[in-house]
Amino acid sequence: PMVYKWGRRWPTFCFFLVAEVCLLGSYTFRENVEDTRAAVLIVYFMGKFASRGGFIVILLYTCEIFPTGLRCTTLGICYTFRLIGVALASQDVAGINGRTPRLIYGVLSL
């Protein structure tokens, strides 16, 4: 896998950079124009998949960096922040403004 070849730092950086560019870039598109609706959806999902990829690399790194006694605690903290992001950028928030979940995911990937 990519992590064994390049380590953890560069894949994490690249995943979160792609996530940030895609999610904040899709925020700038206009959703109400029929021509850009498909482009917004594609870029949005690319950003979400990149965000998930970065989280998986961090999850692998977290398992290796901490001693056995602290692994469960640190993984719990990581999952807590992940669930906060998922809760804030859910479809419920999309009811406020259709572009809000993309903005939240983009800002959280900083």
N, C-alpha and C. Protein backbone atom coordinates (compact mmCIF):
# COMPACT_ATOMS: atom_id res chain seq x y z
N PRO A 1 0.80 -1.21 0.00
CA PRO A 1 0.00 0.00 0.00
C PRO A 1 0.85 1.28 0.00
N MET A 2 0.19 2.35 -0.23
CA MET A 2 0.82 3.65 -0.33
C MET A 2 1.55 4.04 0.95
N VAL A 3 1.00 3.67 2.09
CA VAL A 3 1.58 4.06 3.37
C VAL A 3 2.94 3.40 3.57
N TYR A 4 3.10 2.17 3.12
CA TYR A 4 4.38 1.49 3.28
C TYR A 4 5.44 2.08 2.37
N LYS A 5 5.04 2.60 1.23
CA LYS A 5 6.00 3.15 0.28
C LYS A 5 6.44 4.56 0.66
N TRP A 6 5.49 5.42 1.02
CA TRP A 6 5.80 6.84 1.26
C TRP A 6 5.72 7.25 2.73
N GLY A 7 5.42 6.36 3.61
CA GLY A 7 5.28 6.74 5.01
C GLY A 7 3.88 7.24 5.30
N ARG A 8 3.73 7.92 6.42
CA ARG A 8 2.40 8.40 6.81
C ARG A 8 2.20 9.89 6.55
N ARG A 9 3.25 10.65 6.61
CA ARG A 9 3.12 12.11 6.51
C ARG A 9 2.61 12.56 5.15
N TRP A 10 3.23 12.09 4.07
CA TRP A 10 2.84 12.57 2.74
C TRP A 10 1.46 12.10 2.31
N PRO A 11 1.10 10.84 2.51
CA PRO A 11 -0.29 10.47 2.15
C PRO A 11 -1.34 11.24 2.94
N THR A 12 -1.08 11.46 4.24
CA THR A 12 -2.04 12.23 5.04
C THR A 12 -2.15 13.65 4.50
N PHE A 13 -1.02 14.28 4.24
CA PHE A 13 -1.02 15.64 3.70
C PHE A 13 -1.75 15.69 2.37
N CYS A 14 -1.45 14.75 1.48
CA CYS A 14 -2.06 14.76 0.15
C CYS A 14 -3.57 14.51 0.22
N PHE A 15 -3.98 13.56 1.06
CA PHE A 15 -5.41 13.30 1.19
C PHE A 15 -6.15 14.54 1.70
N PHE A 16 -5.62 15.17 2.74
CA PHE A 16 -6.31 16.34 3.28
C PHE A 16 -6.21 17.56 2.37
N LEU A 17 -5.14 17.67 1.61
CA LEU A 17 -5.04 18.76 0.63
C LEU A 17 -6.09 18.58 -0.47
N VAL A 18 -6.21 17.35 -0.98
CA VAL A 18 -7.24 17.08 -1.99
C VAL A 18 -8.63 17.33 -1.42
N ALA A 19 -8.85 16.90 -0.18
CA ALA A 19 -10.15 17.11 0.45
C ALA A 19 -10.45 18.59 0.58
N GLU A 20 -9.48 19.35 1.03
CA GLU A 20 -9.70 20.79 1.20
C GLU A 20 -9.98 21.48 -0.13
N VAL A 21 -9.17 21.18 -1.14
CA VAL A 21 -9.34 21.83 -2.44
C VAL A 21 -10.69 21.45 -3.05
N CYS A 22 -11.03 20.18 -2.97
CA CYS A 22 -12.30 19.73 -3.56
C CYS A 22 -13.51 20.30 -2.82
N LEU A 23 -13.49 20.22 -1.50
CA LEU A 23 -14.67 20.65 -0.75
C LEU A 23 -14.85 22.16 -0.76
N LEU A 24 -13.77 22.89 -0.55
CA LEU A 24 -13.91 24.35 -0.62
C LEU A 24 -14.09 24.82 -2.05
N GLY A 25 -13.52 24.08 -3.01
CA GLY A 25 -13.75 24.41 -4.42
C GLY A 25 -15.18 24.18 -4.83
N SER A 26 -15.78 23.08 -4.35
CA SER A 26 -17.17 22.82 -4.68
C SER A 26 -18.10 23.82 -4.01
N TYR A 27 -17.65 24.42 -2.93
CA TYR A 27 -18.45 25.45 -2.26
C TYR A 27 -18.60 26.69 -3.13
N THR A 28 -17.61 26.95 -3.98
CA THR A 28 -17.65 28.15 -4.80
C THR A 28 -18.55 27.99 -6.03
N PHE A 29 -18.85 26.75 -6.43
CA PHE A 29 -19.74 26.55 -7.57
C PHE A 29 -21.16 26.95 -7.20
N ARG A 30 -21.91 27.30 -8.20
CA ARG A 30 -23.33 27.60 -7.97
C ARG A 30 -24.13 26.33 -8.20
N GLU A 31 -24.91 25.95 -7.21
CA GLU A 31 -25.69 24.72 -7.31
C GLU A 31 -26.93 24.88 -8.18
N ASN A 32 -27.44 26.08 -8.25
CA ASN A 32 -28.71 26.26 -8.94
C ASN A 32 -28.57 26.24 -10.45
N VAL A 33 -27.36 26.30 -10.97
CA VAL A 33 -27.16 26.22 -12.41
C VAL A 33 -27.11 24.74 -12.80
N GLU A 34 -27.92 24.35 -13.76
CA GLU A 34 -28.04 22.93 -14.13
C GLU A 34 -26.72 22.36 -14.65
N ASP A 35 -25.92 23.16 -15.32
CA ASP A 35 -24.67 22.67 -15.90
C ASP A 35 -23.64 22.31 -14.85
N THR A 36 -23.64 22.98 -13.72
CA THR A 36 -22.61 22.73 -12.71
C THR A 36 -23.05 21.77 -11.61
N ARG A 37 -24.29 21.35 -11.63
CA ARG A 37 -24.79 20.48 -10.56
C ARG A 37 -24.02 19.15 -10.51
N ALA A 38 -23.78 18.54 -11.66
CA ALA A 38 -23.03 17.27 -11.69
C ALA A 38 -21.58 17.49 -11.28
N ALA A 39 -20.99 18.59 -11.71
CA ALA A 39 -19.60 18.89 -11.34
C ALA A 39 -19.47 19.10 -9.84
N VAL A 40 -20.42 19.79 -9.26
CA VAL A 40 -20.40 20.01 -7.80
C VAL A 40 -20.47 18.67 -7.07
N LEU A 41 -21.34 17.79 -7.52
CA LEU A 41 -21.50 16.49 -6.86
C LEU A 41 -20.23 15.65 -6.99
N ILE A 42 -19.61 15.63 -8.16
CA ILE A 42 -18.39 14.85 -8.36
C ILE A 42 -17.26 15.38 -7.50
N VAL A 43 -17.07 16.69 -7.50
CA VAL A 43 -15.98 17.28 -6.71
C VAL A 43 -16.24 17.10 -5.22
N TYR A 44 -17.49 17.20 -4.82
CA TYR A 44 -17.86 17.01 -3.41
C TYR A 44 -17.53 15.59 -2.95
N PHE A 45 -17.90 14.59 -3.75
CA PHE A 45 -17.61 13.21 -3.36
C PHE A 45 -16.12 12.91 -3.42
N MET A 46 -15.40 13.50 -4.35
CA MET A 46 -13.94 13.33 -4.35
C MET A 46 -13.34 13.87 -3.05
N GLY A 47 -13.83 15.00 -2.60
CA GLY A 47 -13.36 15.58 -1.34
C GLY A 47 -13.71 14.72 -0.15
N LYS A 48 -14.92 14.16 -0.13
CA LYS A 48 -15.30 13.29 0.98
C LYS A 48 -14.48 12.01 1.00
N PHE A 49 -14.23 11.43 -0.17
CA PHE A 49 -13.41 10.21 -0.22
C PHE A 49 -11.98 10.51 0.20
N ALA A 50 -11.45 11.65 -0.20
CA ALA A 50 -10.10 12.02 0.22
C ALA A 50 -10.04 12.25 1.72
N SER A 51 -11.08 12.84 2.27
CA SER A 51 -11.13 13.04 3.72
C SER A 51 -11.15 11.70 4.45
N ARG A 52 -11.91 10.75 3.95
CA ARG A 52 -11.94 9.41 4.55
C ARG A 52 -10.58 8.72 4.42
N GLY A 53 -9.92 8.89 3.28
CA GLY A 53 -8.60 8.30 3.10
C GLY A 53 -7.60 8.86 4.10
N GLY A 54 -7.63 10.17 4.31
CA GLY A 54 -6.76 10.78 5.31
C GLY A 54 -7.04 10.27 6.70
N PHE A 55 -8.30 10.06 7.00
CA PHE A 55 -8.65 9.54 8.32
C PHE A 55 -8.15 8.12 8.50
N ILE A 56 -8.20 7.31 7.45
CA ILE A 56 -7.71 5.93 7.55
C ILE A 56 -6.21 5.91 7.78
N VAL A 57 -5.47 6.79 7.11
CA VAL A 57 -4.02 6.86 7.34
C VAL A 57 -3.74 7.28 8.77
N ILE A 58 -4.48 8.26 9.27
CA ILE A 58 -4.29 8.69 10.66
C ILE A 58 -4.66 7.57 11.62
N LEU A 59 -5.68 6.80 11.30
CA LEU A 59 -6.06 5.68 12.15
C LEU A 59 -4.94 4.64 12.22
N LEU A 60 -4.32 4.34 11.08
CA LEU A 60 -3.19 3.41 11.08
C LEU A 60 -2.03 3.96 11.90
N TYR A 61 -1.76 5.23 11.72
CA TYR A 61 -0.65 5.86 12.43
C TYR A 61 -0.92 5.89 13.94
N THR A 62 -2.15 6.16 14.32
CA THR A 62 -2.50 6.20 15.74
C THR A 62 -2.31 4.83 16.39
N CYS A 63 -2.66 3.79 15.66
CA CYS A 63 -2.48 2.44 16.22
C CYS A 63 -1.01 2.12 16.45
N GLU A 64 -0.12 2.66 15.64
CA GLU A 64 1.30 2.32 15.75
C GLU A 64 2.07 3.23 16.69
N ILE A 65 1.63 4.44 16.88
CA ILE A 65 2.45 5.42 17.61
C ILE A 65 2.28 5.32 19.12
N PHE A 66 1.13 4.91 19.59
CA PHE A 66 0.87 4.90 21.02
C PHE A 66 1.08 3.52 21.62
N PRO A 67 1.45 3.49 22.90
CA PRO A 67 1.59 2.18 23.56
C PRO A 67 0.25 1.45 23.63
N THR A 68 0.34 0.18 23.84
CA THR A 68 -0.85 -0.67 23.81
C THR A 68 -1.92 -0.21 24.79
N GLY A 69 -1.54 0.23 25.96
CA GLY A 69 -2.51 0.66 26.96
C GLY A 69 -3.29 1.90 26.57
N LEU A 70 -2.71 2.75 25.74
CA LEU A 70 -3.38 4.00 25.34
C LEU A 70 -4.06 3.92 23.98
N ARG A 71 -3.90 2.82 23.26
CA ARG A 71 -4.45 2.73 21.91
C ARG A 71 -5.95 2.93 21.88
N CYS A 72 -6.64 2.28 22.75
CA CYS A 72 -8.11 2.39 22.74
C CYS A 72 -8.55 3.81 23.07
N THR A 73 -7.87 4.46 24.00
CA THR A 73 -8.22 5.83 24.37
C THR A 73 -7.99 6.79 23.20
N THR A 74 -6.84 6.68 22.56
CA THR A 74 -6.55 7.60 21.45
C THR A 74 -7.44 7.33 20.25
N LEU A 75 -7.74 6.07 19.97
CA LEU A 75 -8.67 5.78 18.89
C LEU A 75 -10.06 6.31 19.22
N GLY A 76 -10.45 6.24 20.48
CA GLY A 76 -11.73 6.80 20.89
C GLY A 76 -11.78 8.31 20.69
N ILE A 77 -10.68 8.99 20.98
CA ILE A 77 -10.61 10.44 20.77
C ILE A 77 -10.71 10.76 19.28
N CYS A 78 -9.99 9.99 18.46
CA CYS A 78 -10.06 10.21 17.00
C CYS A 78 -11.47 9.99 16.48
N TYR A 79 -12.11 8.93 16.93
CA TYR A 79 -13.48 8.68 16.50
C TYR A 79 -14.44 9.75 17.00
N THR A 80 -14.19 10.30 18.16
CA THR A 80 -15.04 11.36 18.68
C THR A 80 -14.99 12.58 17.77
N PHE A 81 -13.77 13.00 17.37
CA PHE A 81 -13.67 14.14 16.47
C PHE A 81 -14.26 13.82 15.11
N ARG A 82 -14.12 12.60 14.67
CA ARG A 82 -14.72 12.20 13.40
C ARG A 82 -16.24 12.31 13.48
N LEU A 83 -16.81 11.83 14.56
CA LEU A 83 -18.26 11.87 14.69
C LEU A 83 -18.79 13.28 14.87
N ILE A 84 -17.99 14.16 15.48
CA ILE A 84 -18.39 15.57 15.56
C ILE A 84 -18.47 16.16 14.16
N GLY A 85 -17.48 15.86 13.33
CA GLY A 85 -17.51 16.35 11.95
C GLY A 85 -18.66 15.78 11.16
N VAL A 86 -18.94 14.50 11.34
CA VAL A 86 -20.06 13.88 10.64
C VAL A 86 -21.38 14.48 11.10
N ALA A 87 -21.50 14.73 12.39
CA ALA A 87 -22.75 15.30 12.91
C ALA A 87 -22.94 16.73 12.43
N LEU A 88 -21.87 17.50 12.38
CA LEU A 88 -22.00 18.89 11.95
C LEU A 88 -22.27 19.02 10.46
N ALA A 89 -21.77 18.10 9.68
CA ALA A 89 -21.92 18.20 8.23
C ALA A 89 -22.95 17.22 7.69
N SER A 90 -23.91 16.88 8.49
CA SER A 90 -24.91 15.91 8.06
C SER A 90 -25.96 16.59 7.18
N GLN A 91 -26.89 15.79 6.75
CA GLN A 91 -27.95 16.32 5.90
C GLN A 91 -28.88 17.25 6.65
N ASP A 92 -28.88 17.18 7.98
CA ASP A 92 -29.70 18.11 8.76
C ASP A 92 -29.20 19.53 8.60
N VAL A 93 -27.89 19.69 8.56
CA VAL A 93 -27.31 21.02 8.38
C VAL A 93 -27.55 21.52 6.96
N ALA A 94 -27.70 20.59 6.02
CA ALA A 94 -27.96 20.99 4.64
C ALA A 94 -29.30 21.70 4.51
N GLY A 95 -30.20 21.48 5.47
CA GLY A 95 -31.48 22.17 5.43
C GLY A 95 -31.33 23.67 5.65
N ILE A 96 -30.30 24.09 6.36
CA ILE A 96 -30.04 25.51 6.58
C ILE A 96 -29.60 26.16 5.28
N ASN A 97 -28.59 25.56 4.69
CA ASN A 97 -28.05 26.05 3.42
C ASN A 97 -27.44 24.83 2.74
N GLY A 98 -27.71 24.62 1.48
CA GLY A 98 -27.22 23.45 0.77
C GLY A 98 -25.71 23.36 0.69
N ARG A 99 -25.03 24.49 0.85
CA ARG A 99 -23.57 24.49 0.74
C ARG A 99 -22.87 24.37 2.08
N THR A 100 -23.59 24.41 3.17
CA THR A 100 -22.98 24.39 4.51
C THR A 100 -22.19 23.12 4.80
N PRO A 101 -22.68 21.90 4.48
CA PRO A 101 -21.87 20.71 4.77
C PRO A 101 -20.52 20.72 4.07
N ARG A 102 -20.47 21.19 2.83
CA ARG A 102 -19.19 21.26 2.12
C ARG A 102 -18.24 22.23 2.79
N LEU A 103 -18.76 23.34 3.27
CA LEU A 103 -17.93 24.32 3.96
C LEU A 103 -17.38 23.73 5.26
N ILE A 104 -18.23 23.03 6.01
CA ILE A 104 -17.78 22.45 7.28
C ILE A 104 -16.71 21.40 7.05
N TYR A 105 -16.92 20.49 6.09
CA TYR A 105 -15.91 19.48 5.79
C TYR A 105 -14.62 20.12 5.32
N GLY A 106 -14.72 21.14 4.49
CA GLY A 106 -13.51 21.81 4.01
C GLY A 106 -12.73 22.49 5.11
N VAL A 107 -13.43 23.15 6.03
CA VAL A 107 -12.76 23.84 7.13
C VAL A 107 -12.16 22.83 8.11
N LEU A 108 -12.87 21.73 8.38
CA LEU A 108 -12.34 20.73 9.30
C LEU A 108 -11.12 20.01 8.74
N SER A 109 -10.94 20.00 7.43
CA SER A 109 -9.77 19.34 6.86
C SER A 109 -8.55 20.23 6.85
N LEU A 110 -8.68 21.49 7.35
CA LEU A 110 -7.51 22.35 7.44
C LEU A 110 -6.57 21.73 8.37
